Amino acid sequence: MEHTFKIIQEEEQNGCWLFTVHLQGPAGSESTSEHTLRLSWEDYDLWVRDGTIEPEVVARAILRYLEPHLGETKLPARIDSSHPRRVDPDADQQIARLIDPVMFRTQ
């Protein structure tokens, strides 16, 4: 089941970026929903240690990580960048690889 994400807006706030995201349902579906993805500065620094990658690229990686994990589950209206690690201990490594396959090294 493939969903399509589109980032509509990026807004920097105190300690985070907020992204307005439109989610188009699976192919053949007419459903579209709007969501807010909160990317904390701490999570950004975890995934992009040198700060050279745009926050939107990181937001896209989080969304790409979430997409195959959705299944029939509805995405909440508000998503926090820390959510994936709470349900999958490997999420941080997987998201980092989606940003840059060689960026994240396990110590």
PDB file of N, CA and C in Angstrom:
ATOM      1  N   MET A   1       0.857  -1.172   0.000  1.00  0.00           N
ATOM      2  CA  MET A   1       0.000   0.000   0.000  1.00  0.00           C
ATOM      3  C   MET A   1       0.903   1.234   0.000  1.00  0.00           C
ATOM      4  N   GLU A   2       0.870   2.003  -1.056  1.00  0.00           N
ATOM      5  CA  GLU A   2       1.769   3.144  -1.165  1.00  0.00           C
ATOM      6  C   GLU A   2       1.010   4.456  -1.013  1.00  0.00           C
ATOM      7  N   HIS A   3       1.510   5.286  -0.120  1.00  0.00           N
ATOM      8  CA  HIS A   3       0.967   6.615   0.120  1.00  0.00           C
ATOM      9  C   HIS A   3       1.919   7.631  -0.491  1.00  0.00           C
ATOM     10  N   THR A   4       1.406   8.805  -0.791  1.00  0.00           N
ATOM     11  CA  THR A   4       2.241   9.871  -1.324  1.00  0.00           C
ATOM     12  C   THR A   4       2.207  11.048  -0.357  1.00  0.00           C
ATOM     13  N   PHE A   5       3.398  11.466   0.071  1.00  0.00           N
ATOM     14  CA  PHE A   5       3.530  12.611   0.963  1.00  0.00           C
ATOM     15  C   PHE A   5       3.981  13.822   0.167  1.00  0.00           C
ATOM     16  N   LYS A   6       3.454  14.979   0.522  1.00  0.00           N
ATOM     17  CA  LYS A   6       3.906  16.227  -0.088  1.00  0.00           C
ATOM     18  C   LYS A   6       4.048  17.262   1.027  1.00  0.00           C
ATOM     19  N   ILE A   7       5.263  17.804   1.161  1.00  0.00           N
ATOM     20  CA  ILE A   7       5.484  18.850   2.161  1.00  0.00           C
ATOM     21  C   ILE A   7       5.013  20.170   1.570  1.00  0.00           C
ATOM     22  N   ILE A   8       4.070  20.797   2.234  1.00  0.00           N
ATOM     23  CA  ILE A   8       3.444  22.025   1.753  1.00  0.00           C
ATOM     24  C   ILE A   8       4.117  23.260   2.338  1.00  0.00           C
ATOM     25  N   GLN A   9       4.529  23.170   3.600  1.00  0.00           N
ATOM     26  CA  GLN A   9       5.073  24.347   4.280  1.00  0.00           C
ATOM     27  C   GLN A   9       6.090  23.913   5.328  1.00  0.00           C
ATOM     28  N   GLU A  10       7.107  24.742   5.516  1.00  0.00           N
ATOM     29  CA  GLU A  10       8.102  24.549   6.575  1.00  0.00           C
ATOM     30  C   GLU A  10       8.149  25.824   7.404  1.00  0.00           C
ATOM     31  N   GLU A  11       8.104  25.661   8.724  1.00  0.00           N
ATOM     32  CA  GLU A  11       8.142  26.819   9.618  1.00  0.00           C
ATOM     33  C   GLU A  11       9.105  26.521  10.763  1.00  0.00           C
ATOM     34  N   GLU A  12      10.080  27.389  10.959  1.00  0.00           N
ATOM     35  CA  GLU A  12      11.002  27.211  12.079  1.00  0.00           C
ATOM     36  C   GLU A  12      10.399  27.848  13.322  1.00  0.00           C
ATOM     37  N   GLN A  13      10.420  27.095  14.417  1.00  0.00           N
ATOM     38  CA  GLN A  13       9.933  27.595  15.699  1.00  0.00           C
ATOM     39  C   GLN A  13      11.016  27.378  16.738  1.00  0.00           C
ATOM     40  N   ASN A  14      10.740  27.754  17.957  1.00  0.00           N
ATOM     41  CA  ASN A  14      11.710  27.601  19.030  1.00  0.00           C
ATOM     42  C   ASN A  14      11.975  26.113  19.275  1.00  0.00           C
ATOM     43  N   GLY A  15      13.162  25.641  18.937  1.00  0.00           N
ATOM     44  CA  GLY A  15      13.553  24.264  19.198  1.00  0.00           C
ATOM     45  C   GLY A  15      13.123  23.237  18.181  1.00  0.00           C
ATOM     46  N   CYS A  16      12.474  23.671  17.098  1.00  0.00           N
ATOM     47  CA  CYS A  16      12.003  22.684  16.121  1.00  0.00           C
ATOM     48  C   CYS A  16      11.630  23.339  14.793  1.00  0.00           C
ATOM     49  N   TRP A  17      11.358  22.480  13.821  1.00  0.00           N
ATOM     50  CA  TRP A  17      10.735  22.892  12.573  1.00  0.00           C
ATOM     51  C   TRP A  17       9.384  22.192  12.517  1.00  0.00           C
ATOM     52  N   LEU A  18       8.388  22.872  11.995  1.00  0.00           N
ATOM     53  CA  LEU A  18       7.077  22.275  11.764  1.00  0.00           C
ATOM     54  C   LEU A  18       6.850  22.199  10.264  1.00  0.00           C
ATOM     55  N   PHE A  19       6.450  21.031   9.800  1.00  0.00           N
ATOM     56  CA  PHE A  19       6.176  20.814   8.384  1.00  0.00           C
ATOM     57  C   PHE A  19       4.706  20.466   8.224  1.00  0.00           C
ATOM     58  N   THR A  20       4.037  21.179   7.339  1.00  0.00           N
ATOM     59  CA  THR A  20       2.674  20.825   6.973  1.00  0.00           C
ATOM     60  C   THR A  20       2.785  19.838   5.827  1.00  0.00           C
ATOM     61  N   VAL A  21       2.156  18.679   6.007  1.00  0.00           N
ATOM     62  CA  VAL A  21       2.298  17.577   5.065  1.00  0.00           C
ATOM     63  C   VAL A  21       0.920  17.144   4.587  1.00  0.00           C
ATOM     64  N   HIS A  22       0.778  16.958   3.280  1.00  0.00           N
ATOM     65  CA  HIS A  22      -0.433  16.358   2.730  1.00  0.00           C
ATOM     66  C   HIS A  22      -0.127  14.907   2.409  1.00  0.00           C
ATOM     67  N   LEU A  23      -1.005  14.020   2.836  1.00  0.00           N
ATOM     68  CA  LEU A  23      -0.869  12.591   2.591  1.00  0.00           C
ATOM     69  C   LEU A  23      -1.977  12.158   1.652  1.00  0.00           C
ATOM     70  N   GLN A  24      -1.576  11.662   0.489  1.00  0.00           N
ATOM     71  CA  GLN A  24      -2.526  11.104  -0.476  1.00  0.00           C
ATOM     72  C   GLN A  24      -2.606   9.613  -0.201  1.00  0.00           C
ATOM     73  N   GLY A  25      -3.813   9.088  -0.122  1.00  0.00           N
ATOM     74  CA  GLY A  25      -3.998   7.667   0.156  1.00  0.00           C
ATOM     75  C   GLY A  25      -3.408   6.790  -0.937  1.00  0.00           C
ATOM     76  N   PRO A  26      -3.531   5.473  -0.800  1.00  0.00           N
ATOM     77  CA  PRO A  26      -2.969   4.545  -1.778  1.00  0.00           C
ATOM     78  C   PRO A  26      -3.533   4.782  -3.176  1.00  0.00           C
ATOM     79  N   ALA A  27      -2.812   4.292  -4.176  1.00  0.00           N
ATOM     80  CA  ALA A  27      -3.237   4.450  -5.575  1.00  0.00           C
ATOM     81  C   ALA A  27      -4.702   4.048  -5.720  1.00  0.00           C
ATOM     82  N   GLY A  28      -5.440   4.864  -6.435  1.00  0.00           N
ATOM     83  CA  GLY A  28      -6.857   4.615  -6.636  1.00  0.00           C
ATOM     84  C   GLY A  28      -7.737   5.211  -5.551  1.00  0.00           C
ATOM     85  N   SER A  29      -7.120   5.693  -4.495  1.00  0.00           N
ATOM     86  CA  SER A  29      -7.870   6.283  -3.392  1.00  0.00           C
ATOM     87  C   SER A  29      -7.996   7.786  -3.604  1.00  0.00           C
ATOM     88  N   GLU A  30      -9.131   8.313  -3.246  1.00  0.00           N
ATOM     89  CA  GLU A  30      -9.371   9.750  -3.356  1.00  0.00           C
ATOM     90  C   GLU A  30      -9.008  10.479  -2.060  1.00  0.00           C
ATOM     91  N   SER A  31      -8.647   9.720  -1.031  1.00  0.00           N
ATOM     92  CA  SER A  31      -8.445  10.329   0.286  1.00  0.00           C
ATOM     93  C   SER A  31      -7.153  11.135   0.366  1.00  0.00           C
ATOM     94  N   THR A  32      -7.268  12.305   0.965  1.00  0.00           N
ATOM     95  CA  THR A  32      -6.123  13.168   1.248  1.00  0.00           C
ATOM     96  C   THR A  32      -6.303  13.692   2.667  1.00  0.00           C
ATOM     97  N   SER A  33      -5.212  13.732   3.411  1.00  0.00           N
ATOM     98  CA  SER A  33      -5.287  14.261   4.771  1.00  0.00           C
ATOM     99  C   SER A  33      -4.106  15.185   5.020  1.00  0.00           C
ATOM    100  N   GLU A  34      -4.277  16.094   5.971  1.00  0.00           N
ATOM    101  CA  GLU A  34      -3.220  17.045   6.312  1.00  0.00           C
ATOM    102  C   GLU A  34      -2.659  16.694   7.682  1.00  0.00           C
ATOM    103  N   HIS A  35      -1.337  16.778   7.793  1.00  0.00           N
ATOM    104  CA  HIS A  35      -0.639  16.416   9.021  1.00  0.00           C
ATOM    105  C   HIS A  35       0.435  17.451   9.309  1.00  0.00           C
ATOM    106  N   THR A  36       0.846  17.514  10.566  1.00  0.00           N
ATOM    107  CA  THR A  36       1.955  18.370  10.974  1.00  0.00           C
ATOM    108  C   THR A  36       3.054  17.475  11.517  1.00  0.00           C
ATOM    109  N   LEU A  37       4.229  17.571  10.910  1.00  0.00           N
ATOM    110  CA  LEU A  37       5.405  16.835  11.370  1.00  0.00           C
ATOM    111  C   LEU A  37       6.298  17.805  12.123  1.00  0.00           C
ATOM    112  N   ARG A  38       6.588  17.476  13.369  1.00  0.00           N
ATOM    113  CA  ARG A  38       7.487  18.287  14.200  1.00  0.00           C
ATOM    114  C   ARG A  38       8.851  17.618  14.213  1.00  0.00           C
ATOM    115  N   LEU A  39       9.863  18.323  13.726  1.00  0.00           N
ATOM    116  CA  LEU A  39      11.246  17.841  13.731  1.00  0.00           C
ATOM    117  C   LEU A  39      12.018  18.664  14.754  1.00  0.00           C
ATOM    118  N   SER A  40      12.360  18.031  15.882  1.00  0.00           N
ATOM    119  CA  SER A  40      13.091  18.757  16.928  1.00  0.00           C
ATOM    120  C   SER A  40      14.532  18.988  16.496  1.00  0.00           C
ATOM    121  N   TRP A  41      15.128  20.013  17.045  1.00  0.00           N
ATOM    122  CA  TRP A  41      16.538  20.279  16.762  1.00  0.00           C
ATOM    123  C   TRP A  41      17.396  19.119  17.253  1.00  0.00           C
ATOM    124  N   GLU A  42      17.016  18.499  18.366  1.00  0.00           N
ATOM    125  CA  GLU A  42      17.777  17.371  18.902  1.00  0.00           C
ATOM    126  C   GLU A  42      17.774  16.193  17.934  1.00  0.00           C
ATOM    127  N   ASP A  43      16.599  15.870  17.378  1.00  0.00           N
ATOM    128  CA  ASP A  43      16.541  14.763  16.421  1.00  0.00           C
ATOM    129  C   ASP A  43      17.302  15.106  15.146  1.00  0.00           C
ATOM    130  N   TYR A  44      17.168  16.336  14.686  1.00  0.00           N
ATOM    131  CA  TYR A  44      17.930  16.758  13.511  1.00  0.00           C
ATOM    132  C   TYR A  44      19.425  16.552  13.756  1.00  0.00           C
ATOM    133  N   ASP A  45      19.913  16.982  14.921  1.00  0.00           N
ATOM    134  CA  ASP A  45      21.339  16.835  15.244  1.00  0.00           C
ATOM    135  C   ASP A  45      21.755  15.373  15.367  1.00  0.00           C
ATOM    136  N   LEU A  46      20.846  14.505  15.788  1.00  0.00           N
ATOM    137  CA  LEU A  46      21.142  13.077  15.861  1.00  0.00           C
ATOM    138  C   LEU A  46      21.381  12.508  14.466  1.00  0.00           C
ATOM    139  N   TRP A  47      20.536  12.894  13.514  1.00  0.00           N
ATOM    140  CA  TRP A  47      20.606  12.334  12.166  1.00  0.00           C
ATOM    141  C   TRP A  47      21.563  13.080  11.253  1.00  0.00           C
ATOM    142  N   VAL A  48      21.787  14.361  11.524  1.00  0.00           N
ATOM    143  CA  VAL A  48      22.672  15.179  10.678  1.00  0.00           C
ATOM    144  C   VAL A  48      23.667  15.862  11.607  1.00  0.00           C
ATOM    145  N   ARG A  49      24.691  15.152  11.945  1.00  0.00           N
ATOM    146  CA  ARG A  49      25.629  15.630  12.966  1.00  0.00           C
ATOM    147  C   ARG A  49      26.387  16.882  12.561  1.00  0.00           C
ATOM    148  N   ASP A  50      26.601  17.075  11.268  1.00  0.00           N
ATOM    149  CA  ASP A  50      27.373  18.254  10.842  1.00  0.00           C
ATOM    150  C   ASP A  50      26.490  19.406  10.383  1.00  0.00           C
ATOM    151  N   GLY A  51      25.170  19.229  10.395  1.00  0.00           N
ATOM    152  CA  GLY A  51      24.245  20.308  10.061  1.00  0.00           C
ATOM    153  C   GLY A  51      24.246  20.755   8.616  1.00  0.00           C
ATOM    154  N   THR A  52      24.733  19.916   7.706  1.00  0.00           N
ATOM    155  CA  THR A  52      24.869  20.330   6.307  1.00  0.00           C
ATOM    156  C   THR A  52      23.681  19.962   5.425  1.00  0.00           C
ATOM    157  N   ILE A  53      22.689  19.309   5.969  1.00  0.00           N
ATOM    158  CA  ILE A  53      21.543  18.865   5.171  1.00  0.00           C
ATOM    159  C   ILE A  53      20.312  19.661   5.586  1.00  0.00           C
ATOM    160  N   GLU A  54      19.550  20.085   4.600  1.00  0.00           N
ATOM    161  CA  GLU A  54      18.338  20.869   4.861  1.00  0.00           C
ATOM    162  C   GLU A  54      17.354  20.082   5.734  1.00  0.00           C
ATOM    163  N   PRO A  55      16.690  20.745   6.676  1.00  0.00           N
ATOM    164  CA  PRO A  55      15.703  20.068   7.523  1.00  0.00           C
ATOM    165  C   PRO A  55      14.609  19.359   6.715  1.00  0.00           C
ATOM    166  N   GLU A  56      14.234  19.910   5.563  1.00  0.00           N
ATOM    167  CA  GLU A  56      13.199  19.270   4.749  1.00  0.00           C
ATOM    168  C   GLU A  56      13.635  17.891   4.273  1.00  0.00           C
ATOM    169  N   VAL A  57      14.920  17.708   3.994  1.00  0.00           N
ATOM    170  CA  VAL A  57      15.434  16.399   3.580  1.00  0.00           C
ATOM    171  C   VAL A  57      15.249  15.391   4.717  1.00  0.00           C
ATOM    172  N   VAL A  58      15.498  15.822   5.939  1.00  0.00           N
ATOM    173  CA  VAL A  58      15.319  14.963   7.110  1.00  0.00           C
ATOM    174  C   VAL A  58      13.832  14.645   7.292  1.00  0.00           C
ATOM    175  N   ALA A  59      12.979  15.640   7.129  1.00  0.00           N
ATOM    176  CA  ALA A  59      11.537  15.418   7.241  1.00  0.00           C
ATOM    177  C   ALA A  59      11.076  14.393   6.209  1.00  0.00           C
ATOM    178  N   ARG A  60      11.578  14.501   4.989  1.00  0.00           N
ATOM    179  CA  ARG A  60      11.218  13.524   3.947  1.00  0.00           C
ATOM    180  C   ARG A  60      11.676  12.116   4.322  1.00  0.00           C
ATOM    181  N   ALA A  61      12.854  12.002   4.923  1.00  0.00           N
ATOM    182  CA  ALA A  61      13.349  10.688   5.348  1.00  0.00           C
ATOM    183  C   ALA A  61      12.439  10.086   6.423  1.00  0.00           C
ATOM    184  N   ILE A  62      11.987  10.914   7.356  1.00  0.00           N
ATOM    185  CA  ILE A  62      11.064  10.428   8.391  1.00  0.00           C
ATOM    186  C   ILE A  62       9.779   9.926   7.742  1.00  0.00           C
ATOM    187  N   LEU A  63       9.258  10.688   6.797  1.00  0.00           N
ATOM    188  CA  LEU A  63       8.030  10.291   6.109  1.00  0.00           C
ATOM    189  C   LEU A  63       8.244   9.017   5.296  1.00  0.00           C
ATOM    190  N   ARG A  64       9.406   8.901   4.644  1.00  0.00           N
ATOM    191  CA  ARG A  64       9.719   7.681   3.887  1.00  0.00           C
ATOM    192  C   ARG A  64       9.820   6.485   4.827  1.00  0.00           C
ATOM    193  N   TYR A  65      10.356   6.694   6.017  1.00  0.00           N
ATOM    194  CA  TYR A  65      10.412   5.620   7.009  1.00  0.00           C
ATOM    195  C   TYR A  65       8.990   5.212   7.430  1.00  0.00           C
ATOM    196  N   LEU A  66       8.146   6.184   7.680  1.00  0.00           N
ATOM    197  CA  LEU A  66       6.794   5.904   8.169  1.00  0.00           C
ATOM    198  C   LEU A  66       5.923   5.201   7.132  1.00  0.00           C
ATOM    199  N   GLU A  67       6.109   5.520   5.860  1.00  0.00           N
ATOM    200  CA  GLU A  67       5.217   5.033   4.802  1.00  0.00           C
ATOM    201  C   GLU A  67       5.026   3.517   4.827  1.00  0.00           C
ATOM    202  N   PRO A  68       6.072   2.696   4.804  1.00  0.00           N
ATOM    203  CA  PRO A  68       5.827   1.249   4.802  1.00  0.00           C
ATOM    204  C   PRO A  68       5.295   0.716   6.137  1.00  0.00           C
ATOM    205  N   HIS A  69       5.403   1.507   7.183  1.00  0.00           N
ATOM    206  CA  HIS A  69       4.933   1.082   8.493  1.00  0.00           C
ATOM    207  C   HIS A  69       3.465   1.450   8.736  1.00  0.00           C
ATOM    208  N   LEU A  70       2.873   2.184   7.804  1.00  0.00           N
ATOM    209  CA  LEU A  70       1.488   2.618   7.998  1.00  0.00           C
ATOM    210  C   LEU A  70       0.501   1.470   7.893  1.00  0.00           C
ATOM    211  N   GLY A  71       0.594   0.682   6.824  1.00  0.00           N
ATOM    212  CA  GLY A  71      -0.387  -0.367   6.601  1.00  0.00           C
ATOM    213  C   GLY A  71      -1.773   0.248   6.554  1.00  0.00           C
ATOM    214  N   GLU A  72      -2.673  -0.298   7.337  1.00  0.00           N
ATOM    215  CA  GLU A  72      -4.041   0.227   7.404  1.00  0.00           C
ATOM    216  C   GLU A  72      -4.193   1.289   8.493  1.00  0.00           C
ATOM    217  N   THR A  73      -3.121   1.544   9.237  1.00  0.00           N
ATOM    218  CA  THR A  73      -3.174   2.509  10.330  1.00  0.00           C
ATOM    219  C   THR A  73      -3.242   3.928   9.795  1.00  0.00           C
ATOM    220  N   LYS A  74      -4.080   4.727  10.398  1.00  0.00           N
ATOM    221  CA  LYS A  74      -4.154   6.140  10.011  1.00  0.00           C
ATOM    222  C   LYS A  74      -3.036   6.908  10.690  1.00  0.00           C
ATOM    223  N   LEU A  75      -2.422   7.790   9.933  1.00  0.00           N
ATOM    224  CA  LEU A  75      -1.370   8.637  10.470  1.00  0.00           C
ATOM    225  C   LEU A  75      -2.021   9.710  11.339  1.00  0.00           C
ATOM    226  N   PRO A  76      -1.510   9.949  12.550  1.00  0.00           N
ATOM    227  CA  PRO A  76      -2.113  10.990  13.385  1.00  0.00           C
ATOM    228  C   PRO A  76      -1.950  12.376  12.765  1.00  0.00           C
ATOM    229  N   ALA A  77      -2.794  13.292  13.161  1.00  0.00           N
ATOM    230  CA  ALA A  77      -2.734  14.659  12.623  1.00  0.00           C
ATOM    231  C   ALA A  77      -1.414  15.329  12.982  1.00  0.00           C
ATOM    232  N   ARG A  78      -0.879  15.023  14.166  1.00  0.00           N
ATOM    233  CA  ARG A  78       0.412  15.581  14.605  1.00  0.00           C
ATOM    234  C   ARG A  78       1.389  14.429  14.793  1.00  0.00           C
ATOM    235  N   ILE A  79       2.546  14.558  14.165  1.00  0.00           N
ATOM    236  CA  ILE A  79       3.579  13.529  14.227  1.00  0.00           C
ATOM    237  C   ILE A  79       4.836  14.179  14.784  1.00  0.00           C
ATOM    238  N   ASP A  80       5.473  13.529  15.735  1.00  0.00           N
ATOM    239  CA  ASP A  80       6.727  14.035  16.272  1.00  0.00           C
ATOM    240  C   ASP A  80       7.866  13.171  15.743  1.00  0.00           C
ATOM    241  N   SER A  81       9.005  13.796  15.485  1.00  0.00           N
ATOM    242  CA  SER A  81      10.147  13.068  14.929  1.00  0.00           C
ATOM    243  C   SER A  81      10.660  11.979  15.864  1.00  0.00           C
ATOM    244  N   SER A  82      10.318  12.035  17.133  1.00  0.00           N
ATOM    245  CA  SER A  82      10.753  11.007  18.079  1.00  0.00           C
ATOM    246  C   SER A  82       9.854   9.770  18.061  1.00  0.00           C
ATOM    247  N   HIS A  83       8.696   9.863  17.442  1.00  0.00           N
ATOM    248  CA  HIS A  83       7.741   8.752  17.462  1.00  0.00           C
ATOM    249  C   HIS A  83       8.318   7.440  16.924  1.00  0.00           C
ATOM    250  N   PRO A  84       8.992   7.435  15.775  1.00  0.00           N
ATOM    251  CA  PRO A  84       9.472   6.151  15.248  1.00  0.00           C
ATOM    252  C   PRO A  84      10.335   5.368  16.232  1.00  0.00           C
ATOM    253  N   ARG A  85      11.214   6.037  16.975  1.00  0.00           N
ATOM    254  CA  ARG A  85      12.106   5.302  17.885  1.00  0.00           C
ATOM    255  C   ARG A  85      11.351   4.700  19.066  1.00  0.00           C
ATOM    256  N   ARG A  86      10.172   5.242  19.364  1.00  0.00           N
ATOM    257  CA  ARG A  86       9.387   4.688  20.467  1.00  0.00           C
ATOM    258  C   ARG A  86       8.732   3.361  20.098  1.00  0.00           C
ATOM    259  N   VAL A  87       8.562   3.124  18.798  1.00  0.00           N
ATOM    260  CA  VAL A  87       7.934   1.873  18.359  1.00  0.00           C
ATOM    261  C   VAL A  87       8.915   0.929  17.675  1.00  0.00           C
ATOM    262  N   ASP A  88      10.102   1.416  17.330  1.00  0.00           N
ATOM    263  CA  ASP A  88      11.098   0.593  16.642  1.00  0.00           C
ATOM    264  C   ASP A  88      12.490   1.026  17.090  1.00  0.00           C
ATOM    265  N   PRO A  89      13.200   0.172  17.829  1.00  0.00           N
ATOM    266  CA  PRO A  89      14.524   0.559  18.316  1.00  0.00           C
ATOM    267  C   PRO A  89      15.544   0.813  17.207  1.00  0.00           C
ATOM    268  N   ASP A  90      15.287   0.322  16.008  1.00  0.00           N
ATOM    269  CA  ASP A  90      16.198   0.538  14.876  1.00  0.00           C
ATOM    270  C   ASP A  90      15.817   1.748  14.026  1.00  0.00           C
ATOM    271  N   ALA A  91      14.787   2.461  14.418  1.00  0.00           N
ATOM    272  CA  ALA A  91      14.272   3.557  13.589  1.00  0.00           C
ATOM    273  C   ALA A  91      15.317   4.635  13.322  1.00  0.00           C
ATOM    274  N   ASP A  92      16.090   5.015  14.323  1.00  0.00           N
ATOM    275  CA  ASP A  92      17.077   6.079  14.115  1.00  0.00           C
ATOM    276  C   ASP A  92      18.082   5.699  13.033  1.00  0.00           C
ATOM    277  N   GLN A  93      18.570   4.474  13.071  1.00  0.00           N
ATOM    278  CA  GLN A  93      19.521   4.032  12.049  1.00  0.00           C
ATOM    279  C   GLN A  93      18.863   3.985  10.675  1.00  0.00           C
ATOM    280  N   GLN A  94      17.631   3.492  10.618  1.00  0.00           N
ATOM    281  CA  GLN A  94      16.943   3.398   9.331  1.00  0.00           C
ATOM    282  C   GLN A  94      16.677   4.781   8.738  1.00  0.00           C
ATOM    283  N   ILE A  95      16.258   5.720   9.561  1.00  0.00           N
ATOM    284  CA  ILE A  95      16.004   7.080   9.078  1.00  0.00           C
ATOM    285  C   ILE A  95      17.300   7.717   8.610  1.00  0.00           C
ATOM    286  N   ALA A  96      18.372   7.534   9.377  1.00  0.00           N
ATOM    287  CA  ALA A  96      19.669   8.092   8.977  1.00  0.00           C
ATOM    288  C   ALA A  96      20.111   7.540   7.626  1.00  0.00           C
ATOM    289  N   ARG A  97      19.871   6.265   7.389  1.00  0.00           N
ATOM    290  CA  ARG A  97      20.235   5.674   6.093  1.00  0.00           C
ATOM    291  C   ARG A  97      19.398   6.255   4.958  1.00  0.00           C
ATOM    292  N   LEU A  98      18.158   6.599   5.241  1.00  0.00           N
ATOM    293  CA  LEU A  98      17.315   7.218   4.215  1.00  0.00           C
ATOM    294  C   LEU A  98      17.798   8.623   3.876  1.00  0.00           C
ATOM    295  N   ILE A  99      18.438   9.275   4.833  1.00  0.00           N
ATOM    296  CA  ILE A  99      19.012  10.598   4.583  1.00  0.00           C
ATOM    297  C   ILE A  99      20.284  10.439   3.768  1.00  0.00           C
ATOM    298  N   ASP A 100      21.172   9.565   4.235  1.00  0.00           N
ATOM    299  CA  ASP A 100      22.457   9.325   3.573  1.00  0.00           C
ATOM    300  C   ASP A 100      22.946   7.953   4.021  1.00  0.00           C
ATOM    301  N   PRO A 101      23.060   7.000   3.096  1.00  0.00           N
ATOM    302  CA  PRO A 101      23.406   5.631   3.473  1.00  0.00           C
ATOM    303  C   PRO A 101      24.713   5.478   4.247  1.00  0.00           C
ATOM    304  N   VAL A 102      25.656   6.390   4.117  1.00  0.00           N
ATOM    305  CA  VAL A 102      26.932   6.228   4.821  1.00  0.00           C
ATOM    306  C   VAL A 102      27.079   7.175   6.009  1.00  0.00           C
ATOM    307  N   MET A 103      26.072   7.980   6.280  1.00  0.00           N
ATOM    308  CA  MET A 103      26.195   8.998   7.323  1.00  0.00           C
ATOM    309  C   MET A 103      26.181   8.401   8.729  1.00  0.00           C
ATOM    310  N   PHE A 104      25.344   7.419   8.967  1.00  0.00           N
ATOM    311  CA  PHE A 104      25.136   6.926  10.323  1.00  0.00           C
ATOM    312  C   PHE A 104      25.931   5.648  10.530  1.00  0.00           C
ATOM    313  N   ARG A 105      26.820   5.662  11.475  1.00  0.00           N
ATOM    314  CA  ARG A 105      27.645   4.493  11.790  1.00  0.00           C
ATOM    315  C   ARG A 105      27.341   4.067  13.228  1.00  0.00           C
ATOM    316  N   THR A 106      27.130   2.774  13.417  1.00  0.00           N
ATOM    317  CA  THR A 106      26.935   2.252  14.766  1.00  0.00           C
ATOM    318  C   THR A 106      28.287   2.202  15.450  1.00  0.00           C
ATOM    319  N   GLN A 107      28.354   2.701  16.655  1.00  0.00           N
ATOM    320  CA  GLN A 107      29.640   2.737  17.365  1.00  0.00           C
ATOM    321  C   GLN A 107      29.859   1.482  18.158  1.00  0.00           C
TER     322      GLN A 107
END
